[in-house]
């Protein structure tokens, strides 16, 4: 599975919204403003490897969401894990 910059941006937004987290909440995890998160989700700003790791950690702990939402987050997290594994295999992580 290969993710383009646009697909990665969409995946980050999908994870965030399925968890019920705001851009501000994700921004706190990354040390960024909600405007910076918006730029990431729109594919305007790149995400660093360190930020990808923080995002993965953030989304592996779904709390306070419905079972359906948890399934979506879990599936997206697995997809994201595959993407991270690809980066590691290529030596980019």
Protein backbone atom coordinates (compact mmCIF):
# COMPACT_ATOMS: atom_id res chain seq x y z
CA UNK A 1 0.00 0.00 0.00
CA UNK A 2 1.49 3.30 -1.01
CA UNK A 3 0.08 6.53 0.32
CA UNK A 4 0.45 9.76 -1.57
CA UNK A 5 0.78 13.05 0.30
CA UNK A 6 -2.91 13.72 -0.40
CA UNK A 7 -4.00 10.29 0.84
CA UNK A 8 -1.90 10.68 3.98
CA UNK A 9 -3.51 14.06 4.62
CA UNK A 10 -6.96 12.56 4.15
CA UNK A 11 -6.07 9.64 6.44
CA UNK A 12 -4.94 12.00 9.21
CA UNK A 13 -8.19 13.97 8.95
CA UNK A 14 -10.23 10.75 8.86
CA UNK A 15 -8.50 9.46 11.99
CA UNK A 16 -8.95 12.76 13.80
CA UNK A 17 -12.62 13.15 12.96
CA UNK A 18 -13.47 9.49 13.61
CA UNK A 19 -11.96 9.87 17.07
CA UNK A 20 -13.99 13.02 17.64
CA UNK A 21 -10.84 15.06 18.20
CA UNK A 22 -10.59 18.69 17.19
CA UNK A 23 -7.76 20.21 15.22
CA UNK A 24 -6.81 22.00 18.43
CA UNK A 25 -6.49 18.68 20.30
CA UNK A 26 -4.31 17.13 17.61
CA UNK A 27 -2.36 20.37 17.48
CA UNK A 28 -1.55 20.06 21.19
CA UNK A 29 -0.11 16.58 20.56
CA UNK A 30 2.09 17.92 17.77
CA UNK A 31 2.83 21.31 19.32
CA UNK A 32 1.07 23.08 16.45
CA UNK A 33 -1.86 25.45 16.01
CA UNK A 34 -5.22 24.36 14.64
CA UNK A 35 -4.36 26.31 11.47
CA UNK A 36 -1.21 24.21 11.04
CA UNK A 37 -3.27 21.02 11.47
CA UNK A 38 -5.69 22.30 8.85
CA UNK A 39 -2.75 22.83 6.47
CA UNK A 40 -1.56 19.26 7.14
CA UNK A 41 -5.04 17.85 6.51
CA UNK A 42 -5.31 19.78 3.24
CA UNK A 43 -1.91 18.56 2.06
CA UNK A 44 -0.39 22.04 2.14
CA UNK A 45 2.16 21.22 4.86
CA UNK A 46 4.25 18.07 5.05
CA UNK A 47 4.31 15.91 8.17
CA UNK A 48 7.67 14.91 9.64
CA UNK A 49 8.52 11.37 10.61
CA UNK A 50 8.45 12.43 14.27
CA UNK A 51 4.97 13.93 13.81
CA UNK A 52 3.77 10.74 12.10
CA UNK A 53 4.95 8.78 15.12
CA UNK A 54 3.13 11.13 17.51
CA UNK A 55 -0.05 10.91 15.43
CA UNK A 56 0.14 7.11 15.40
CA UNK A 57 0.55 7.06 19.19
CA UNK A 58 -2.36 9.47 19.60
CA UNK A 59 -4.72 7.34 17.52
CA UNK A 60 -3.80 4.01 19.09
CA UNK A 61 -5.62 5.01 22.26
CA UNK A 62 -9.24 5.61 21.24
CA UNK A 63 -11.36 6.55 24.25
CA UNK A 64 -14.95 7.65 24.59
CA UNK A 65 -16.07 6.68 21.10
CA UNK A 66 -18.72 4.31 19.85
CA UNK A 67 -17.86 0.73 18.81
CA UNK A 68 -18.43 1.67 15.15
CA UNK A 69 -16.07 4.62 15.43
CA UNK A 70 -13.51 2.44 17.21
CA UNK A 71 -13.60 -0.06 14.33
CA UNK A 72 -12.98 2.76 11.85
CA UNK A 73 -10.10 4.12 13.94
CA UNK A 74 -8.63 0.63 14.35
CA UNK A 75 -8.80 -0.03 10.60
CA UNK A 76 -7.30 3.36 9.80
CA UNK A 77 -4.61 2.81 12.41
CA UNK A 78 -3.71 -0.55 10.82
CA UNK A 79 -3.50 1.16 7.42
CA UNK A 80 -1.34 3.86 8.97
CA UNK A 81 0.86 1.19 10.59
CA UNK A 82 1.35 -0.40 7.17
CA UNK A 83 2.40 2.96 5.78
CA UNK A 84 4.89 3.44 8.64
CA UNK A 85 6.24 -0.08 8.02
CA UNK A 86 6.79 0.83 4.37
CA UNK A 87 8.73 3.92 5.41
CA UNK A 88 10.85 1.83 7.81
CA UNK A 89 11.51 -0.76 5.12
CA UNK A 90 12.69 1.98 2.74
CA UNK A 91 14.90 3.40 5.49
CA UNK A 92 12.92 6.63 5.58
CA UNK A 93 11.89 6.19 9.21
